């Protein structure tokens, strides 16, 4: 699967990664839509002091 990773603030890179394996008490979901939240923007800008890089941005919303 394709993964978009924030390598350093201001830099994204696509890579091919293996699909996750289904584990007990976990779920694999199919993404229909994505969005960018303020935390993602701060991570991309490098103004989120608690993040380490490289980092895959995003979150699951119900």
C-alpha atoms as a PDB file:
ATOM      1  CA  UNK A   1       0.000   0.000   0.000  1.00  0.00           C
ATOM      2  CA  UNK A   2       1.123   3.596  -0.438  1.00  0.00           C
ATOM      3  CA  UNK A   3       2.087   5.559   2.645  1.00  0.00           C
ATOM      4  CA  UNK A   4       2.660   9.317   2.751  1.00  0.00           C
ATOM      5  CA  UNK A   5       5.176  10.186   5.452  1.00  0.00           C
ATOM      6  CA  UNK A   6       6.269  13.560   6.742  1.00  0.00           C
ATOM      7  CA  UNK A   7      10.030  12.966   6.707  1.00  0.00           C
ATOM      8  CA  UNK A   8      10.973  16.346   8.173  1.00  0.00           C
ATOM      9  CA  UNK A   9       8.908  19.500   8.624  1.00  0.00           C
ATOM     10  CA  UNK A  10       7.884  20.674   5.161  1.00  0.00           C
ATOM     11  CA  UNK A  11       8.862  17.417   3.403  1.00  0.00           C
ATOM     12  CA  UNK A  12       6.577  14.523   2.416  1.00  0.00           C
ATOM     13  CA  UNK A  13       7.628  11.259   0.809  1.00  0.00           C
ATOM     14  CA  UNK A  14       5.557   8.409  -0.663  1.00  0.00           C
ATOM     15  CA  UNK A  15       6.676   4.844  -0.019  1.00  0.00           C
ATOM     16  CA  UNK A  16       5.326   1.347  -0.537  1.00  0.00           C
ATOM     17  CA  UNK A  17       4.620  -0.485   2.707  1.00  0.00           C
ATOM     18  CA  UNK A  18       3.100  -3.860   3.505  1.00  0.00           C
ATOM     19  CA  UNK A  19      -0.573  -4.010   4.362  1.00  0.00           C
ATOM     20  CA  UNK A  20      -1.137  -4.582   8.078  1.00  0.00           C
ATOM     21  CA  UNK A  21      -2.151  -8.040   9.239  1.00  0.00           C
ATOM     22  CA  UNK A  22      -5.418  -8.487  11.077  1.00  0.00           C
ATOM     23  CA  UNK A  23      -4.829  -9.143  14.773  1.00  0.00           C
ATOM     24  CA  UNK A  24      -7.217 -10.255  17.498  1.00  0.00           C
ATOM     25  CA  UNK A  25      -9.297  -7.375  18.916  1.00  0.00           C
ATOM     26  CA  UNK A  26      -8.212  -5.052  16.076  1.00  0.00           C
ATOM     27  CA  UNK A  27      -9.871  -3.961  12.839  1.00  0.00           C
ATOM     28  CA  UNK A  28      -8.637  -3.054   9.379  1.00  0.00           C
ATOM     29  CA  UNK A  29     -10.665  -0.293   7.794  1.00  0.00           C
ATOM     30  CA  UNK A  30     -10.998   0.967   4.243  1.00  0.00           C
ATOM     31  CA  UNK A  31     -10.393   4.698   3.986  1.00  0.00           C
ATOM     32  CA  UNK A  32     -13.040   6.601   2.017  1.00  0.00           C
ATOM     33  CA  UNK A  33     -12.052  10.182   2.837  1.00  0.00           C
ATOM     34  CA  UNK A  34      -9.194  11.983   4.487  1.00  0.00           C
ATOM     35  CA  UNK A  35      -8.790  15.407   5.966  1.00  0.00           C
ATOM     36  CA  UNK A  36      -6.166  17.658   7.447  1.00  0.00           C
ATOM     37  CA  UNK A  37      -6.542  18.883  11.004  1.00  0.00           C
ATOM     38  CA  UNK A  38      -4.668  21.620  12.821  1.00  0.00           C
ATOM     39  CA  UNK A  39      -2.320  19.139  14.468  1.00  0.00           C
ATOM     40  CA  UNK A  40      -1.336  17.740  11.043  1.00  0.00           C
ATOM     41  CA  UNK A  41      -0.665  21.262   9.812  1.00  0.00           C
ATOM     42  CA  UNK A  42       1.512  22.033  12.850  1.00  0.00           C
ATOM     43  CA  UNK A  43       3.432  18.783  12.331  1.00  0.00           C
ATOM     44  CA  UNK A  44       4.058  19.699   8.688  1.00  0.00           C
ATOM     45  CA  UNK A  45       5.135  23.228   9.687  1.00  0.00           C
ATOM     46  CA  UNK A  46       7.409  21.871  12.423  1.00  0.00           C
ATOM     47  CA  UNK A  47       5.608  23.855  15.127  1.00  0.00           C
ATOM     48  CA  UNK A  48       4.288  20.803  17.032  1.00  0.00           C
ATOM     49  CA  UNK A  49       6.921  20.360  19.781  1.00  0.00           C
ATOM     50  CA  UNK A  50       5.812  16.865  20.845  1.00  0.00           C
ATOM     51  CA  UNK A  51       6.241  15.098  17.472  1.00  0.00           C
ATOM     52  CA  UNK A  52       9.202  13.104  16.196  1.00  0.00           C
ATOM     53  CA  UNK A  53      10.008  12.566  12.535  1.00  0.00           C
ATOM     54  CA  UNK A  54       9.535  10.708  10.278  1.00  0.00           C
ATOM     55  CA  UNK A  55       5.809  10.614  11.034  1.00  0.00           C
ATOM     56  CA  UNK A  56       2.682   9.394   9.254  1.00  0.00           C
ATOM     57  CA  UNK A  57       0.055  12.082   9.791  1.00  0.00           C
ATOM     58  CA  UNK A  58      -3.683  11.603  10.164  1.00  0.00           C
ATOM     59  CA  UNK A  59      -6.264  10.049  12.416  1.00  0.00           C
ATOM     60  CA  UNK A  60      -9.381   7.954  12.273  1.00  0.00           C
ATOM     61  CA  UNK A  61     -12.691   9.748  12.705  1.00  0.00           C
ATOM     62  CA  UNK A  62     -16.000   8.036  13.315  1.00  0.00           C
END
